[in-house]
Protein backbone atom coordinates (compact mmCIF):
# COMPACT_ATOMS: atom_id res chain seq x y z
CA UNK A 1 -1.80 -15.20 1.68
CA UNK A 2 -4.79 -13.31 1.88
CA UNK A 3 -4.61 -9.39 1.19
CA UNK A 4 -7.30 -7.38 2.86
CA UNK A 5 -6.85 -4.43 0.61
CA UNK A 6 -9.29 -3.15 -2.27
CA UNK A 7 -8.57 -0.43 -4.85
CA UNK A 8 -9.23 2.73 -3.17
CA UNK A 9 -8.00 1.75 0.31
CA UNK A 10 -5.67 4.04 2.02
CA UNK A 11 -2.37 2.48 3.46
CA UNK A 12 1.23 3.39 4.72
CA UNK A 13 4.44 1.52 4.45
CA UNK A 14 5.67 1.12 8.05
CA UNK A 15 9.25 0.92 6.89
CA UNK A 16 9.00 3.84 4.83
CA UNK A 17 6.60 6.30 6.64
CA UNK A 18 8.29 9.21 4.95
CA UNK A 19 6.51 8.02 1.70
CA UNK A 20 3.21 9.22 3.22
CA UNK A 21 -0.11 8.08 2.82
CA UNK A 22 -0.84 5.84 -0.19
CA UNK A 23 -3.75 4.87 -2.31
CA UNK A 24 -4.06 1.14 -3.45
CA UNK A 25 -4.24 1.18 -7.26
CA UNK A 26 -4.34 -2.48 -8.16
CA UNK A 27 -3.54 -5.89 -6.51
CA UNK A 28 -2.24 -8.63 -8.66
CA UNK A 29 -1.19 -11.89 -6.56
CA UNK A 30 1.20 -10.72 -4.22
CA UNK A 31 2.03 -7.27 -6.04
CA UNK A 32 0.22 -4.29 -4.46
CA UNK A 33 0.55 -0.94 -6.61
CA UNK A 34 0.11 2.02 -4.39
CA UNK A 35 0.42 5.54 -5.15
CA UNK A 36 2.11 7.24 -2.21
CA UNK A 37 1.69 11.12 -1.64
CA UNK A 38 5.35 11.75 -1.27
CA UNK A 39 6.89 9.53 -3.88
CA UNK A 40 4.30 8.73 -6.24
CA UNK A 41 3.51 5.23 -7.47
CA UNK A 42 5.31 2.18 -5.94
CA UNK A 43 4.91 -1.65 -6.57
CA UNK A 44 5.01 -3.46 -2.94
CA UNK A 45 5.81 -7.12 -3.04
CA UNK A 46 3.22 -8.07 -0.11
CA UNK A 47 5.36 -11.04 0.72
CA UNK A 48 8.11 -8.97 1.81
CA UNK A 49 6.58 -5.76 2.98
CA UNK A 50 3.29 -5.37 5.04
CA UNK A 51 1.50 -2.69 4.62
CA UNK A 52 -1.16 -1.06 7.07
CA UNK A 53 -4.47 -0.03 6.32
CA UNK A 54 -5.58 3.12 7.48
CA UNK A 55 -9.10 2.71 8.79
CA UNK A 56 -10.19 6.40 9.87
CA UNK A 57 -8.42 9.40 8.60
């Protein structure tokens, strides 16, 4: 699996849109740490949940 994220990228979790927009903090293997505006920091397993990158805000 190749993740197309870099720290600082904005993403959403399509399965939990109420979390709001998140900013990628770090990526270690398949674990993506994201700071979401409504729920704070979450560690996402990219093998299970497919985050969507936001290109234009």
